[in-house]
C-alpha atoms as a PDB file:
ATOM      1  CA  MET A   1     121.865  69.051 138.571  1.00  0.00           C
ATOM      2  CA  ASN A   2     118.100  69.414 138.095  1.00  0.00           C
ATOM      3  CA  THR A   3     116.269  70.913 135.132  1.00  0.00           C
ATOM      4  CA  GLN A   4     115.742  74.277 136.822  1.00  0.00           C
ATOM      5  CA  GLU A   5     119.445  74.673 137.549  1.00  0.00           C
ATOM      6  CA  LYS A   6     120.325  73.770 133.955  1.00  0.00           C
ATOM      7  CA  LEU A   7     117.853  76.377 132.689  1.00  0.00           C
ATOM      8  CA  VAL A   8     119.410  79.049 134.916  1.00  0.00           C
ATOM      9  CA  MET A   9     122.906  78.155 133.703  1.00  0.00           C
ATOM     10  CA  THR A  10     121.745  78.257 130.092  1.00  0.00           C
ATOM     11  CA  ARG A  11     120.295  81.727 130.544  1.00  0.00           C
ATOM     12  CA  ASN A  12     123.435  82.950 132.271  1.00  0.00           C
ATOM     13  CA  ASP A  13     125.665  81.559 129.507  1.00  0.00           C
ATOM     14  CA  GLY A  14     123.531  83.259 126.882  1.00  0.00           C
ATOM     15  CA  ARG A  15     123.659  86.572 128.685  1.00  0.00           C
ATOM     16  CA  LEU A  16     127.425  86.308 128.972  1.00  0.00           C
ATOM     17  CA  VAL A  17     127.731  85.738 125.224  1.00  0.00           C
ATOM     18  CA  LEU A  18     125.391  88.608 124.354  1.00  0.00           C
ATOM     19  CA  GLY A  19     127.038  90.931 126.867  1.00  0.00           C
ATOM     20  CA  GLY A  20     130.524  90.098 125.646  1.00  0.00           C
ATOM     21  CA  VAL A  21     129.659  90.663 121.992  1.00  0.00           C
ATOM     22  CA  LEU A  22     127.935  93.977 122.716  1.00  0.00           C
ATOM     23  CA  VAL A  23     130.866  95.175 124.858  1.00  0.00           C
ATOM     24  CA  LEU A  24     133.392  94.348 122.139  1.00  0.00           C
ATOM     25  CA  ILE A  25     131.360  96.066 119.425  1.00  0.00           C
ATOM     26  CA  GLY A  26     130.735  99.104 121.644  1.00  0.00           C
ATOM     27  CA  LEU A  27     134.414  99.437 122.507  1.00  0.00           C
ATOM     28  CA  ALA A  28     135.379  99.157 118.850  1.00  0.00           C
ATOM     29  CA  PHE A  29     133.022 101.991 117.859  1.00  0.00           C
ATOM     30  CA  LEU A  30     134.070 104.097 120.857  1.00  0.00           C
ATOM     31  CA  LEU A  31     137.766 103.780 120.094  1.00  0.00           C
ATOM     32  CA  GLN A  32     137.105 104.540 116.443  1.00  0.00           C
ATOM     33  CA  ASN A  33     135.170 107.720 117.332  1.00  0.00           C
ATOM     34  CA  LEU A  34     137.978 108.788 119.672  1.00  0.00           C
ATOM     35  CA  GLY A  35     140.483 108.452 116.871  1.00  0.00           C
ATOM     36  CA  ALA A  36     142.325 105.508 118.394  1.00  0.00           C
ATOM     37  CA  PHE A  37     142.244 103.759 115.046  1.00  0.00           C
ATOM     38  CA  SER A  38     143.436 106.744 113.038  1.00  0.00           C
ATOM     39  CA  PHE A  39     146.476 104.793 111.872  1.00  0.00           C
ATOM     40  CA  PHE A  40     144.071 102.440 110.155  1.00  0.00           C
ATOM     41  CA  GLY A  41     143.347 105.231 107.693  1.00  0.00           C
ATOM     42  CA  LEU A  42     145.888 103.657 105.389  1.00  0.00           C
ATOM     43  CA  ILE A  43     143.600 100.685 104.971  1.00  0.00           C
ATOM     44  CA  PRO A  44     141.272 101.058 101.958  1.00  0.00           C
ATOM     45  CA  GLU A  45     137.644 101.769 102.776  1.00  0.00           C
ATOM     46  CA  GLY A  46     136.581  98.696 100.850  1.00  0.00           C
ATOM     47  CA  LEU A  47     138.497  96.459 103.238  1.00  0.00           C
ATOM     48  CA  TRP A  48     136.796  98.105 106.207  1.00  0.00           C
ATOM     49  CA  THR A  49     133.446  97.421 104.592  1.00  0.00           C
ATOM     50  CA  ILE A  50     134.334  93.762 104.165  1.00  0.00           C
ATOM     51  CA  PHE A  51     135.534  93.649 107.769  1.00  0.00           C
ATOM     52  CA  TRP A  52     132.255  94.958 109.195  1.00  0.00           C
ATOM     53  CA  ILE A  53     130.233  92.686 106.928  1.00  0.00           C
ATOM     54  CA  GLY A  54     132.188  89.731 108.244  1.00  0.00           C
ATOM     55  CA  ALA A  55     132.117  90.935 111.864  1.00  0.00           C
ATOM     56  CA  PHE A  56     128.364  91.442 112.002  1.00  0.00           C
ATOM     57  CA  GLY A  57     127.707  88.326 109.950  1.00  0.00           C
ATOM     58  CA  GLY A  58     129.964  86.269 112.205  1.00  0.00           C
ATOM     59  CA  ALA A  59     128.249  87.608 115.324  1.00  0.00           C
ATOM     60  CA  GLY A  60     124.861  86.695 113.871  1.00  0.00           C
ATOM     61  CA  LEU A  61     125.987  83.185 113.018  1.00  0.00           C
ATOM     62  CA  LEU A  62     127.439  82.823 116.519  1.00  0.00           C
ATOM     63  CA  PHE A  63     124.086  83.581 118.109  1.00  0.00           C
ATOM     64  CA  LEU A  64     122.241  81.255 115.725  1.00  0.00           C
ATOM     65  CA  ALA A  65     124.748  78.519 116.513  1.00  0.00           C
ATOM     66  CA  GLY A  66     123.964  79.000 120.206  1.00  0.00           C
ATOM     67  CA  LEU A  67     120.270  78.730 119.379  1.00  0.00           C
ATOM     68  CA  TRP A  68     120.870  75.541 117.412  1.00  0.00           C
ATOM     69  CA  TRP A  69     122.953  74.065 120.230  1.00  0.00           C
ATOM     70  CA  ARG A  70     120.441  74.872 122.955  1.00  0.00           C
ATOM     71  CA  ARG A  71     116.863  75.542 121.957  1.00  0.00           C
ATOM     72  CA  GLU A  72     116.261  76.982 125.409  1.00  0.00           C
ATOM     73  CA  ASN A  73     118.159  80.049 124.193  1.00  0.00           C
ATOM     74  CA  TRP A  74     115.224  81.064 122.001  1.00  0.00           C
ATOM     75  CA  TRP A  75     116.026  84.756 122.531  1.00  0.00           C
ATOM     76  CA  MET A  76     119.275  84.301 120.557  1.00  0.00           C
ATOM     77  CA  ALA A  77     117.199  84.315 117.374  1.00  0.00           C
ATOM     78  CA  ILE A  78     116.586  88.055 117.796  1.00  0.00           C
ATOM     79  CA  PRO A  79     120.210  89.305 118.055  1.00  0.00           C
ATOM     80  CA  GLY A  80     121.281  86.581 115.611  1.00  0.00           C
ATOM     81  CA  PHE A  81     119.075  87.814 112.797  1.00  0.00           C
ATOM     82  CA  THR A  82     119.689  91.431 113.815  1.00  0.00           C
ATOM     83  CA  PHE A  83     123.434  91.105 113.261  1.00  0.00           C
ATOM     84  CA  LEU A  84     122.862  89.203 110.014  1.00  0.00           C
ATOM     85  CA  GLY A  85     120.559  92.024 108.928  1.00  0.00           C
ATOM     86  CA  LEU A  86     123.247  94.588 109.664  1.00  0.00           C
ATOM     87  CA  SER A  87     125.721  92.571 107.648  1.00  0.00           C
ATOM     88  CA  GLY A  88     123.314  92.277 104.742  1.00  0.00           C
ATOM     89  CA  THR A  89     122.433  95.971 104.877  1.00  0.00           C
ATOM     90  CA  ILE A  90     126.081  97.030 104.709  1.00  0.00           C
ATOM     91  CA  PHE A  91     126.657  94.592 101.858  1.00  0.00           C
ATOM     92  CA  VAL A  92     123.822  95.837  99.646  1.00  0.00           C
ATOM     93  CA  GLU A  93     124.443  99.521 100.369  1.00  0.00           C
ATOM     94  CA  GLU A  94     128.231  99.524 100.072  1.00  0.00           C
ATOM     95  CA  ILE A  95     128.994  96.650  97.709  1.00  0.00           C
ATOM     96  CA  LEU A  96     125.866  96.682  95.570  1.00  0.00           C
ATOM     97  CA  SER A  97     125.710 100.414  94.966  1.00  0.00           C
ATOM     98  CA  GLY A  98     122.336 101.621  93.805  1.00  0.00           C
ATOM     99  CA  PHE A  99     120.494  98.773  95.533  1.00  0.00           C
ATOM    100  CA  ALA A 100     117.957 100.673  97.645  1.00  0.00           C
ATOM    101  CA  PHE A 101     116.644  97.800  99.748  1.00  0.00           C
ATOM    102  CA  GLY A 102     119.012  98.024 102.703  1.00  0.00           C
ATOM    103  CA  GLY A 103     116.254  99.210 105.022  1.00  0.00           C
ATOM    104  CA  SER A 104     113.963  96.384 103.955  1.00  0.00           C
ATOM    105  CA  ILE A 105     116.676  93.813 104.582  1.00  0.00           C
ATOM    106  CA  PHE A 106     117.451  95.111 108.072  1.00  0.00           C
ATOM    107  CA  LEU A 107     113.818  95.475 109.176  1.00  0.00           C
ATOM    108  CA  GLY A 108     112.908  92.165 107.579  1.00  0.00           C
ATOM    109  CA  SER A 109     115.696  90.394 109.429  1.00  0.00           C
ATOM    110  CA  LEU A 110     114.432  91.814 112.730  1.00  0.00           C
ATOM    111  CA  GLY A 111     110.944  90.572 111.935  1.00  0.00           C
ATOM    112  CA  LEU A 112     112.337  87.170 110.982  1.00  0.00           C
ATOM    113  CA  GLY A 113     113.979  86.876 114.397  1.00  0.00           C
ATOM    114  CA  PHE A 114     110.624  87.282 116.156  1.00  0.00           C
ATOM    115  CA  ALA A 115     108.979  84.926 113.667  1.00  0.00           C
ATOM    116  CA  VAL A 116     111.497  82.227 114.595  1.00  0.00           C
ATOM    117  CA  VAL A 117     110.828  82.850 118.301  1.00  0.00           C
ATOM    118  CA  TYR A 118     107.118  82.216 117.713  1.00  0.00           C
ATOM    119  CA  ALA A 119     107.732  79.217 115.447  1.00  0.00           C
ATOM    120  CA  MET A 120     109.843  77.548 118.131  1.00  0.00           C
ATOM    121  CA  ASP A 121     107.027  77.787 120.668  1.00  0.00           C
ATOM    122  CA  ARG A 122     103.479  78.762 119.714  1.00  0.00           C
ATOM    123  CA  ALA A 123     102.850  79.817 123.307  1.00  0.00           C
ATOM    124  CA  ARG A 124     104.950  82.910 122.599  1.00  0.00           C
ATOM    125  CA  TRP A 125     102.124  84.587 120.695  1.00  0.00           C
ATOM    126  CA  TRP A 126     103.423  88.009 121.743  1.00  0.00           C
ATOM    127  CA  ALA A 127     106.272  87.633 119.223  1.00  0.00           C
ATOM    128  CA  ILE A 128     103.697  87.934 116.416  1.00  0.00           C
ATOM    129  CA  ILE A 129     103.167  91.643 117.146  1.00  0.00           C
ATOM    130  CA  PRO A 130     106.764  92.947 116.872  1.00  0.00           C
ATOM    131  CA  GLY A 131     107.432  90.447 114.092  1.00  0.00           C
ATOM    132  CA  GLY A 132     104.418  91.627 112.130  1.00  0.00           C
ATOM    133  CA  VAL A 133     105.123  95.316 112.666  1.00  0.00           C
ATOM    134  CA  LEU A 134     108.774  94.987 111.619  1.00  0.00           C
ATOM    135  CA  SER A 135     107.886  92.853 108.592  1.00  0.00           C
ATOM    136  CA  THR A 136     105.285  95.432 107.588  1.00  0.00           C
ATOM    137  CA  LEU A 137     107.837  98.230 107.867  1.00  0.00           C
ATOM    138  CA  ALA A 138     110.233  96.181 105.738  1.00  0.00           C
ATOM    139  CA  LEU A 139     107.544  95.743 103.092  1.00  0.00           C
ATOM    140  CA  VAL A 140     106.684  99.445 103.154  1.00  0.00           C
ATOM    141  CA  ALA A 141     110.359 100.404 102.855  1.00  0.00           C
ATOM    142  CA  GLY A 142     110.721  98.112  99.862  1.00  0.00           C
ATOM    143  CA  TRP A 143     107.562  99.490  98.280  1.00  0.00           C
ATOM    144  CA  ASP A 144     108.786 103.053  98.702  1.00  0.00           C
ATOM    145  CA  ALA A 145     112.115 102.113  97.128  1.00  0.00           C
ATOM    146  CA  VAL A 146     110.357 100.665  94.082  1.00  0.00           C
ATOM    147  CA  ALA A 147     107.422 103.049  93.677  1.00  0.00           C
ATOM    148  CA  GLY A 148     109.128 106.241  94.820  1.00  0.00           C
ATOM    149  CA  TRP A 149     107.738 109.173  96.723  1.00  0.00           C
ATOM    150  CA  ASP A 150     104.765 109.532  94.367  1.00  0.00           C
ATOM    151  CA  ALA A 151     103.318 106.383  95.887  1.00  0.00           C
ATOM    152  CA  VAL A 152     103.859 107.747  99.378  1.00  0.00           C
ATOM    153  CA  ALA A 153     102.118 110.997  98.532  1.00  0.00           C
ATOM    154  CA  GLY A 154      99.253 109.050  96.985  1.00  0.00           C
ATOM    155  CA  GLY A 155      98.652 107.073 100.165  1.00  0.00           C
ATOM    156  CA  GLU A 156      99.603 103.612  98.888  1.00  0.00           C
ATOM    157  CA  SER A 157     102.506 103.306 101.306  1.00  0.00           C
ATOM    158  CA  SER A 158     100.557 104.317 104.401  1.00  0.00           C
ATOM    159  CA  GLY A 159      97.668 102.095 103.353  1.00  0.00           C
ATOM    160  CA  LEU A 160     100.025  99.151 103.019  1.00  0.00           C
ATOM    161  CA  PHE A 161     101.341  99.873 106.504  1.00  0.00           C
ATOM    162  CA  PHE A 162      97.879  99.854 108.097  1.00  0.00           C
ATOM    163  CA  LEU A 163      96.936  96.728 106.162  1.00  0.00           C
ATOM    164  CA  GLY A 164     100.039  94.959 107.472  1.00  0.00           C
ATOM    165  CA  LEU A 165      99.175  95.961 111.038  1.00  0.00           C
ATOM    166  CA  ALA A 166      95.631  94.678 110.543  1.00  0.00           C
ATOM    167  CA  LEU A 167      96.976  91.338 109.342  1.00  0.00           C
ATOM    168  CA  THR A 168      99.311  91.215 112.358  1.00  0.00           C
ATOM    169  CA  PHE A 169      96.458  91.546 114.841  1.00  0.00           C
ATOM    170  CA  ALA A 170      94.403  89.044 112.857  1.00  0.00           C
ATOM    171  CA  LEU A 171      97.232  86.530 113.251  1.00  0.00           C
ATOM    172  CA  VAL A 172      97.265  87.216 117.003  1.00  0.00           C
ATOM    173  CA  ALA A 173      93.541  86.440 117.166  1.00  0.00           C
ATOM    174  CA  LEU A 174      94.065  83.230 115.171  1.00  0.00           C
ATOM    175  CA  ALA A 175      97.090  82.054 117.177  1.00  0.00           C
ATOM    176  CA  PRO A 176      96.609  78.340 118.034  1.00  0.00           C
ATOM    177  CA  ASN A 177      97.434  78.758 121.720  1.00  0.00           C
ATOM    178  CA  ALA A 178      95.312  81.862 122.171  1.00  0.00           C
ATOM    179  CA  ARG A 179      92.257  79.683 123.051  1.00  0.00           C
ATOM    180  CA  GLY A 180      89.851  82.529 122.532  1.00  0.00           C
ATOM    181  CA  ARG A 181      91.680  84.850 124.905  1.00  0.00           C
ATOM    182  CA  MET A 182      92.864  87.019 122.030  1.00  0.00           C
ATOM    183  CA  ALA A 183      89.472  87.739 120.516  1.00  0.00           C
ATOM    184  CA  TRP A 184      90.089  91.394 121.344  1.00  0.00           C
ATOM    185  CA  ALA A 185      92.684  91.459 118.546  1.00  0.00           C
ATOM    186  CA  TRP A 186      89.869  91.378 115.962  1.00  0.00           C
ATOM    187  CA  ILE A 187      88.881  94.911 117.014  1.00  0.00           C
ATOM    188  CA  PRO A 188      92.172  96.641 116.051  1.00  0.00           C
ATOM    189  CA  ALA A 189      92.382  94.345 113.026  1.00  0.00           C
ATOM    190  CA  GLY A 190      89.006  95.573 111.774  1.00  0.00           C
ATOM    191  CA  VAL A 191      89.682  99.221 112.556  1.00  0.00           C
ATOM    192  CA  LEU A 192      93.090  99.128 110.860  1.00  0.00           C
ATOM    193  CA  THR A 193      91.581  97.449 107.796  1.00  0.00           C
ATOM    194  CA  VAL A 194      89.044 100.250 107.448  1.00  0.00           C
ATOM    195  CA  ILE A 195      91.816 102.848 107.850  1.00  0.00           C
ATOM    196  CA  ALA A 196      93.874 101.044 105.207  1.00  0.00           C
ATOM    197  CA  ILE A 197      90.970 101.074 102.752  1.00  0.00           C
ATOM    198  CA  MET A 198      90.219 104.740 103.335  1.00  0.00           C
ATOM    199  CA  THR A 199      93.889 105.732 103.207  1.00  0.00           C
ATOM    200  CA  THR A 200      94.731 103.967  99.968  1.00  0.00           C
ATOM    201  CA  ASN A 201      91.325 104.596  98.442  1.00  0.00           C
ATOM    202  CA  LEU A 202      91.320 100.961  97.295  1.00  0.00           C
ATOM    203  CA  LEU A 203      87.648 101.147  96.358  1.00  0.00           C
ATOM    204  CA  GLY A 204      88.082 104.347  94.411  1.00  0.00           C
ATOM    205  CA  GLY A 205      85.262 106.858  94.624  1.00  0.00           C
ATOM    206  CA  LEU A 206      83.039 104.233  96.235  1.00  0.00           C
ATOM    207  CA  VAL A 207      84.571 105.023  99.635  1.00  0.00           C
ATOM    208  CA  ASN A 208      83.297 108.591  99.369  1.00  0.00           C
ATOM    209  CA  LEU A 209      79.791 107.161  99.065  1.00  0.00           C
ATOM    210  CA  LEU A 210      80.075 104.377 101.630  1.00  0.00           C
ATOM    211  CA  TRP A 211      81.032 106.347 104.723  1.00  0.00           C
ATOM    212  CA  PRO A 212      78.276 109.020 104.350  1.00  0.00           C
ATOM    213  CA  LEU A 213      75.819 106.193 103.648  1.00  0.00           C
ATOM    214  CA  ALA A 214      76.983 104.418 106.811  1.00  0.00           C
ATOM    215  CA  LEU A 215      76.310 107.592 108.806  1.00  0.00           C
ATOM    216  CA  VAL A 216      72.836 107.890 107.272  1.00  0.00           C
ATOM    217  CA  LEU A 217      72.015 104.279 108.126  1.00  0.00           C
ATOM    218  CA  LEU A 218      73.338 104.639 111.654  1.00  0.00           C
ATOM    219  CA  GLY A 219      71.381 107.832 112.253  1.00  0.00           C
ATOM    220  CA  SER A 220      68.229 106.316 110.738  1.00  0.00           C
ATOM    221  CA  GLY A 221      68.577 103.293 112.998  1.00  0.00           C
ATOM    222  CA  LEU A 222      68.841 105.469 116.076  1.00  0.00           C
ATOM    223  CA  LEU A 223      65.806 107.521 115.043  1.00  0.00           C
ATOM    224  CA  LEU A 224      63.759 104.395 114.306  1.00  0.00           C
ATOM    225  CA  ARG A 225      64.720 102.852 117.633  1.00  0.00           C
ATOM    226  CA  ASN A 226      63.712 106.001 119.471  1.00  0.00           C
ATOM    227  CA  TYR A 227      60.404 106.158 117.578  1.00  0.00           C
ATOM    228  CA  LEU A 228      59.532 102.551 118.380  1.00  0.00           C
ATOM    229  CA  ARG A 229      60.356 103.016 122.058  1.00  0.00           C
ATOM    230  CA  SER A 230      58.183 106.131 122.211  1.00  0.00           C
ATOM    231  CA  ASN A 231      55.178 104.300 120.730  1.00  0.00           C
ATOM    232  CA  ILE A 232      55.635 101.342 123.052  1.00  0.00           C
ATOM    233  CA  ASP A 233      55.759 103.576 126.111  1.00  0.00           C
END
C-alpha cells in the first residue's frame, strides 16, 4: 500500500469517526426533544449535567487521541477542542454557578483548535484567521463579563475586538511560509488598528485633533501638488 492510499484511508477513517459521533449526539438530542427520554425525568438534573460534561469531554478526548495517533488527521484538533469547550462551558455554567466565563471558554477552545492546526504545519496559514477571530471573541466575551455593559457602551469592548482582528491579520502577514505573498494582510491590519484607536478613544481627546489635522495635511498636499504642476506647465 503506497503513501497516497494510506492517506486516503486515514481521511476515510477520520470521517467515519466524526460522522458516527455527530450521528449519535444528534440522535440523542432528537429523541430527547421528542420526549423519548421522558422516563429519565426521575434522574436528578445534576446527574444529567455530569453526564453531558463527560460525554462531550470524552468525545473531545477521542478526537485528540486520533490526532495523537495519526498526525495526518490534523482536522481532528478542531472538533476535539470544540467538544472539550462544550464540556468546559457546561461545567462552569452549571457546576460553578456565577462563573460568567462560559462563552470565553467555548470560543477560546475553538480558537485553540485552529491554533493547533497551524502549529502542526506552518503551511496552513489560513488557520490563523479563524483562530485569531475566535480568540478575539473569547477575549471580548471575558472582558465584557468582567467590566460589564458600561465598558461595552464606552467602546472598550468593540475597540478590543478590532485590535484583535488587526493583530490577526498582522500574524498572517508575518507567517513564516507566507514568503511575501501575504503582504496584503498589512492593509486590513492597519485599517483595523486605526478603527480600534478611534473606537476606544485610546489617545483621549488627541484623536479629535489628529483626524481633522490629517485631512488638512492631505488637502494641503493636493493643493500644493496642483500648484506645482500648474507652474511647471
